[in-house]
Amino acid sequence: MTKAKKIVSRCESCVNYVFDEDCECYCCMVDLDEDEAYRSMSDSEYSCPYYRLDDEYAVVRKQN
């Protein structure tokens, strides 16, 4: 019996993926056009050009 792996979306680790208090959910703050939005939702291999890793320690590494 194999265990199913939980697939983590890349959006969850992106700087642009923030909590929106109006709709009470996490949303992408990048204004994607209709084609890009469809491609990101339907294609599992889609690589978002606006993706930036939410790295909390990037500033600390630059100081060292």
PDB file of N, CA and C in Angstrom:
ATOM      1  N   MET A   1       0.839  -1.176   0.000  1.00  0.00           N
ATOM      2  CA  MET A   1       0.000   0.000   0.000  1.00  0.00           C
ATOM      3  C   MET A   1       0.886   1.242   0.000  1.00  0.00           C
ATOM      4  N   THR A   2       0.637   2.188  -0.907  1.00  0.00           N
ATOM      5  CA  THR A   2       1.460   3.381  -1.004  1.00  0.00           C
ATOM      6  C   THR A   2       0.743   4.567  -0.381  1.00  0.00           C
ATOM      7  N   LYS A   3       1.539   5.444   0.170  1.00  0.00           N
ATOM      8  CA  LYS A   3       0.979   6.659   0.750  1.00  0.00           C
ATOM      9  C   LYS A   3       0.879   7.732  -0.321  1.00  0.00           C
ATOM     10  N   ALA A   4      -0.202   8.451  -0.318  1.00  0.00           N
ATOM     11  CA  ALA A   4      -0.370   9.554  -1.267  1.00  0.00           C
ATOM     12  C   ALA A   4       0.391  10.762  -0.741  1.00  0.00           C
ATOM     13  N   LYS A   5       1.171  11.371  -1.603  1.00  0.00           N
ATOM     14  CA  LYS A   5       1.915  12.560  -1.215  1.00  0.00           C
ATOM     15  C   LYS A   5       1.019  13.785  -1.359  1.00  0.00           C
ATOM     16  N   LYS A   6       1.159  14.703  -0.424  1.00  0.00           N
ATOM     17  CA  LYS A   6       0.425  15.955  -0.518  1.00  0.00           C
ATOM     18  C   LYS A   6       1.197  16.877  -1.448  1.00  0.00           C
ATOM     19  N   ILE A   7       0.553  17.317  -2.484  1.00  0.00           N
ATOM     20  CA  ILE A   7       1.195  18.210  -3.445  1.00  0.00           C
ATOM     21  C   ILE A   7       1.002  19.643  -2.966  1.00  0.00           C
ATOM     22  N   VAL A   8       2.107  20.331  -2.751  1.00  0.00           N
ATOM     23  CA  VAL A   8       2.055  21.708  -2.291  1.00  0.00           C
ATOM     24  C   VAL A   8       2.203  22.618  -3.496  1.00  0.00           C
ATOM     25  N   SER A   9       1.259  23.495  -3.629  1.00  0.00           N
ATOM     26  CA  SER A   9       1.285  24.436  -4.741  1.00  0.00           C
ATOM     27  C   SER A   9       2.440  25.414  -4.551  1.00  0.00           C
ATOM     28  N   ARG A  10       3.033  25.819  -5.631  1.00  0.00           N
ATOM     29  CA  ARG A  10       4.110  26.799  -5.540  1.00  0.00           C
ATOM     30  C   ARG A  10       3.574  28.137  -5.076  1.00  0.00           C
ATOM     31  N   CYS A  11       2.310  28.386  -5.315  1.00  0.00           N
ATOM     32  CA  CYS A  11       1.717  29.664  -4.906  1.00  0.00           C
ATOM     33  C   CYS A  11       1.818  29.877  -3.402  1.00  0.00           C
ATOM     34  N   GLU A  12       1.720  28.817  -2.650  1.00  0.00           N
ATOM     35  CA  GLU A  12       1.743  28.933  -1.199  1.00  0.00           C
ATOM     36  C   GLU A  12       3.069  29.467  -0.664  1.00  0.00           C
ATOM     37  N   SER A  13       4.130  29.351  -1.429  1.00  0.00           N
ATOM     38  CA  SER A  13       5.431  29.848  -0.989  1.00  0.00           C
ATOM     39  C   SER A  13       5.845  31.121  -1.723  1.00  0.00           C
ATOM     40  N   CYS A  14       4.897  31.771  -2.379  1.00  0.00           N
ATOM     41  CA  CYS A  14       5.183  32.969  -3.172  1.00  0.00           C
ATOM     42  C   CYS A  14       4.905  34.235  -2.367  1.00  0.00           C
ATOM     43  N   VAL A  15       5.686  35.273  -2.629  1.00  0.00           N
ATOM     44  CA  VAL A  15       5.518  36.565  -1.975  1.00  0.00           C
ATOM     45  C   VAL A  15       4.162  37.179  -2.329  1.00  0.00           C
ATOM     46  N   ASN A  16       3.693  36.933  -3.547  1.00  0.00           N
ATOM     47  CA  ASN A  16       2.462  37.543  -4.037  1.00  0.00           C
ATOM     48  C   ASN A  16       1.191  36.853  -3.542  1.00  0.00           C
ATOM     49  N   TYR A  17       1.313  35.760  -2.830  1.00  0.00           N
ATOM     50  CA  TYR A  17       0.176  34.995  -2.339  1.00  0.00           C
ATOM     51  C   TYR A  17      -0.106  35.434  -0.903  1.00  0.00           C
ATOM     52  N   VAL A  18      -1.063  36.342  -0.730  1.00  0.00           N
ATOM     53  CA  VAL A  18      -1.322  36.950   0.572  1.00  0.00           C
ATOM     54  C   VAL A  18      -2.775  36.756   0.994  1.00  0.00           C
ATOM     55  N   PHE A  19      -3.022  36.938   2.282  1.00  0.00           N
ATOM     56  CA  PHE A  19      -4.371  36.792   2.823  1.00  0.00           C
ATOM     57  C   PHE A  19      -5.161  38.058   2.546  1.00  0.00           C
ATOM     58  N   ASP A  20      -6.322  37.902   1.908  1.00  0.00           N
ATOM     59  CA  ASP A  20      -7.205  39.018   1.599  1.00  0.00           C
ATOM     60  C   ASP A  20      -8.327  39.031   2.637  1.00  0.00           C
ATOM     61  N   GLU A  21      -8.382  40.084   3.443  1.00  0.00           N
ATOM     62  CA  GLU A  21      -9.369  40.142   4.518  1.00  0.00           C
ATOM     63  C   GLU A  21     -10.787  40.339   3.999  1.00  0.00           C
ATOM     64  N   ASP A  22     -10.942  40.908   2.809  1.00  0.00           N
ATOM     65  CA  ASP A  22     -12.277  41.125   2.253  1.00  0.00           C
ATOM     66  C   ASP A  22     -12.971  39.803   1.922  1.00  0.00           C
ATOM     67  N   CYS A  23     -12.265  38.900   1.267  1.00  0.00           N
ATOM     68  CA  CYS A  23     -12.875  37.609   0.908  1.00  0.00           C
ATOM     69  C   CYS A  23     -12.487  36.496   1.886  1.00  0.00           C
ATOM     70  N   GLU A  24     -11.648  36.831   2.879  1.00  0.00           N
ATOM     71  CA  GLU A  24     -11.208  35.904   3.917  1.00  0.00           C
ATOM     72  C   GLU A  24     -10.591  34.627   3.340  1.00  0.00           C
ATOM     73  N   CYS A  25      -9.696  34.813   2.382  1.00  0.00           N
ATOM     74  CA  CYS A  25      -8.979  33.692   1.780  1.00  0.00           C
ATOM     75  C   CYS A  25      -7.642  34.193   1.253  1.00  0.00           C
ATOM     76  N   TYR A  26      -6.781  33.245   0.899  1.00  0.00           N
ATOM     77  CA  TYR A  26      -5.505  33.607   0.296  1.00  0.00           C
ATOM     78  C   TYR A  26      -5.696  33.807  -1.197  1.00  0.00           C
ATOM     79  N   CYS A  27      -5.100  34.882  -1.741  1.00  0.00           N
ATOM     80  CA  CYS A  27      -5.242  35.216  -3.154  1.00  0.00           C
ATOM     81  C   CYS A  27      -3.907  35.685  -3.715  1.00  0.00           C
ATOM     82  N   CYS A  28      -3.761  35.537  -5.003  1.00  0.00           N
ATOM     83  CA  CYS A  28      -2.583  36.050  -5.696  1.00  0.00           C
ATOM     84  C   CYS A  28      -2.810  37.524  -5.986  1.00  0.00           C
ATOM     85  N   MET A  29      -1.869  38.362  -5.601  1.00  0.00           N
ATOM     86  CA  MET A  29      -2.009  39.800  -5.793  1.00  0.00           C
ATOM     87  C   MET A  29      -1.522  40.272  -7.167  1.00  0.00           C
ATOM     88  N   VAL A  30      -1.003  39.366  -7.981  1.00  0.00           N
ATOM     89  CA  VAL A  30      -0.572  39.721  -9.331  1.00  0.00           C
ATOM     90  C   VAL A  30      -1.797  39.772 -10.226  1.00  0.00           C
ATOM     91  N   ASP A  31      -1.883  40.795 -11.036  1.00  0.00           N
ATOM     92  CA  ASP A  31      -3.024  40.954 -11.941  1.00  0.00           C
ATOM     93  C   ASP A  31      -2.765  40.125 -13.201  1.00  0.00           C
ATOM     94  N   LEU A  32      -3.172  38.849 -13.163  1.00  0.00           N
ATOM     95  CA  LEU A  32      -2.987  37.950 -14.297  1.00  0.00           C
ATOM     96  C   LEU A  32      -4.056  38.201 -15.343  1.00  0.00           C
ATOM     97  N   ASP A  33      -3.675  38.118 -16.614  1.00  0.00           N
ATOM     98  CA  ASP A  33      -4.708  38.205 -17.642  1.00  0.00           C
ATOM     99  C   ASP A  33      -5.453  36.873 -17.717  1.00  0.00           C
ATOM    100  N   GLU A  34      -6.500  36.824 -18.485  1.00  0.00           N
ATOM    101  CA  GLU A  34      -7.374  35.651 -18.517  1.00  0.00           C
ATOM    102  C   GLU A  34      -6.637  34.387 -18.956  1.00  0.00           C
ATOM    103  N   ASP A  35      -5.767  34.510 -19.958  1.00  0.00           N
ATOM    104  CA  ASP A  35      -5.026  33.347 -20.458  1.00  0.00           C
ATOM    105  C   ASP A  35      -4.063  32.803 -19.417  1.00  0.00           C
ATOM    106  N   GLU A  36      -3.332  33.692 -18.738  1.00  0.00           N
ATOM    107  CA  GLU A  36      -2.378  33.257 -17.712  1.00  0.00           C
ATOM    108  C   GLU A  36      -3.091  32.598 -16.529  1.00  0.00           C
ATOM    109  N   ALA A  37      -4.228  33.154 -16.131  1.00  0.00           N
ATOM    110  CA  ALA A  37      -4.980  32.578 -15.018  1.00  0.00           C
ATOM    111  C   ALA A  37      -5.475  31.181 -15.369  1.00  0.00           C
ATOM    112  N   TYR A  38      -5.988  30.997 -16.575  1.00  0.00           N
ATOM    113  CA  TYR A  38      -6.467  29.689 -16.998  1.00  0.00           C
ATOM    114  C   TYR A  38      -5.323  28.684 -17.053  1.00  0.00           C
ATOM    115  N   ARG A  39      -4.191  29.107 -17.611  1.00  0.00           N
ATOM    116  CA  ARG A  39      -3.030  28.226 -17.744  1.00  0.00           C
ATOM    117  C   ARG A  39      -2.494  27.812 -16.372  1.00  0.00           C
ATOM    118  N   SER A  40      -2.465  28.742 -15.426  1.00  0.00           N
ATOM    119  CA  SER A  40      -1.942  28.411 -14.097  1.00  0.00           C
ATOM    120  C   SER A  40      -2.847  27.437 -13.353  1.00  0.00           C
ATOM    121  N   MET A  41      -4.145  27.491 -13.600  1.00  0.00           N
ATOM    122  CA  MET A  41      -5.074  26.594 -12.916  1.00  0.00           C
ATOM    123  C   MET A  41      -5.195  25.232 -13.582  1.00  0.00           C
ATOM    124  N   SER A  42      -4.993  25.180 -14.895  1.00  0.00           N
ATOM    125  CA  SER A  42      -5.235  23.930 -15.611  1.00  0.00           C
ATOM    126  C   SER A  42      -3.968  23.120 -15.886  1.00  0.00           C
ATOM    127  N   ASP A  43      -2.828  23.770 -15.988  1.00  0.00           N
ATOM    128  CA  ASP A  43      -1.589  23.082 -16.347  1.00  0.00           C
ATOM    129  C   ASP A  43      -0.740  22.847 -15.102  1.00  0.00           C
ATOM    130  N   SER A  44      -0.496  21.591 -14.770  1.00  0.00           N
ATOM    131  CA  SER A  44       0.289  21.280 -13.569  1.00  0.00           C
ATOM    132  C   SER A  44       1.770  21.618 -13.746  1.00  0.00           C
ATOM    133  N   GLU A  45       2.229  21.757 -14.967  1.00  0.00           N
ATOM    134  CA  GLU A  45       3.634  22.071 -15.246  1.00  0.00           C
ATOM    135  C   GLU A  45       3.854  23.567 -15.493  1.00  0.00           C
ATOM    136  N   TYR A  46       2.831  24.381 -15.288  1.00  0.00           N
ATOM    137  CA  TYR A  46       2.932  25.822 -15.552  1.00  0.00           C
ATOM    138  C   TYR A  46       3.911  26.468 -14.582  1.00  0.00           C
ATOM    139  N   SER A  47       4.780  27.291 -15.115  1.00  0.00           N
ATOM    140  CA  SER A  47       5.753  28.003 -14.306  1.00  0.00           C
ATOM    141  C   SER A  47       5.410  29.497 -14.346  1.00  0.00           C
ATOM    142  N   CYS A  48       4.945  30.011 -13.240  1.00  0.00           N
ATOM    143  CA  CYS A  48       4.499  31.402 -13.169  1.00  0.00           C
ATOM    144  C   CYS A  48       5.690  32.357 -13.319  1.00  0.00           C
ATOM    145  N   PRO A  49       5.606  33.313 -14.240  1.00  0.00           N
ATOM    146  CA  PRO A  49       6.713  34.264 -14.410  1.00  0.00           C
ATOM    147  C   PRO A  49       6.813  35.272 -13.271  1.00  0.00           C
ATOM    148  N   TYR A  50       5.777  35.382 -12.445  1.00  0.00           N
ATOM    149  CA  TYR A  50       5.764  36.345 -11.346  1.00  0.00           C
ATOM    150  C   TYR A  50       6.124  35.716 -10.004  1.00  0.00           C
ATOM    151  N   TYR A  51       6.452  34.432 -10.019  1.00  0.00           N
ATOM    152  CA  TYR A  51       6.762  33.719  -8.775  1.00  0.00           C
ATOM    153  C   TYR A  51       8.049  34.244  -8.157  1.00  0.00           C
ATOM    154  N   ARG A  52       7.967  34.593  -6.875  1.00  0.00           N
ATOM    155  CA  ARG A  52       9.147  34.969  -6.095  1.00  0.00           C
ATOM    156  C   ARG A  52       9.036  34.279  -4.754  1.00  0.00           C
ATOM    157  N   LEU A  53      10.063  33.565  -4.376  1.00  0.00           N
ATOM    158  CA  LEU A  53      10.074  32.818  -3.134  1.00  0.00           C
ATOM    159  C   LEU A  53       9.961  33.769  -1.950  1.00  0.00           C
ATOM    160  N   ASP A  54       9.047  33.459  -1.044  1.00  0.00           N
ATOM    161  CA  ASP A  54       8.877  34.241   0.173  1.00  0.00           C
ATOM    162  C   ASP A  54       9.929  33.793   1.172  1.00  0.00           C
ATOM    163  N   ASP A  55      11.128  34.319   1.024  1.00  0.00           N
ATOM    164  CA  ASP A  55      12.269  33.921   1.842  1.00  0.00           C
ATOM    165  C   ASP A  55      12.481  34.953   2.946  1.00  0.00           C
ATOM    166  N   GLU A  56      12.060  34.613   4.159  1.00  0.00           N
ATOM    167  CA  GLU A  56      12.163  35.538   5.295  1.00  0.00           C
ATOM    168  C   GLU A  56      13.591  35.841   5.682  1.00  0.00           C
ATOM    169  N   TYR A  57      14.516  34.963   5.359  1.00  0.00           N
ATOM    170  CA  TYR A  57      15.895  35.112   5.799  1.00  0.00           C
ATOM    171  C   TYR A  57      16.826  35.687   4.729  1.00  0.00           C
ATOM    172  N   ALA A  58      16.296  36.151   3.624  1.00  0.00           N
ATOM    173  CA  ALA A  58      17.127  36.684   2.542  1.00  0.00           C
ATOM    174  C   ALA A  58      17.911  37.910   3.002  1.00  0.00           C
ATOM    175  N   VAL A  59      17.286  38.774   3.785  1.00  0.00           N
ATOM    176  CA  VAL A  59      17.956  39.976   4.277  1.00  0.00           C
ATOM    177  C   VAL A  59      19.096  39.611   5.203  1.00  0.00           C
ATOM    178  N   VAL A  60      18.885  38.643   6.069  1.00  0.00           N
ATOM    179  CA  VAL A  60      19.918  38.231   7.021  1.00  0.00           C
ATOM    180  C   VAL A  60      21.129  37.651   6.276  1.00  0.00           C
ATOM    181  N   ARG A  61      20.881  36.881   5.233  1.00  0.00           N
ATOM    182  CA  ARG A  61      21.994  36.308   4.463  1.00  0.00           C
ATOM    183  C   ARG A  61      22.804  37.396   3.773  1.00  0.00           C
ATOM    184  N   LYS A  62      22.149  38.461   3.342  1.00  0.00           N
ATOM    185  CA  LYS A  62      22.883  39.564   2.690  1.00  0.00           C
ATOM    186  C   LYS A  62      23.754  40.322   3.683  1.00  0.00           C
ATOM    187  N   GLN A  63      23.342  40.363   4.939  1.00  0.00           N
ATOM    188  CA  GLN A  63      24.104  41.090   5.954  1.00  0.00           C
ATOM    189  C   GLN A  63      25.385  40.357   6.331  1.00  0.00           C
ATOM    190  N   ASN A  64      25.400  39.064   6.175  1.00  0.00           N
ATOM    191  CA  ASN A  64      26.580  38.287   6.567  1.00  0.00           C
ATOM    192  C   ASN A  64      27.630  38.302   5.518  1.00  0.00           C
TER     193      ASN A  64
END
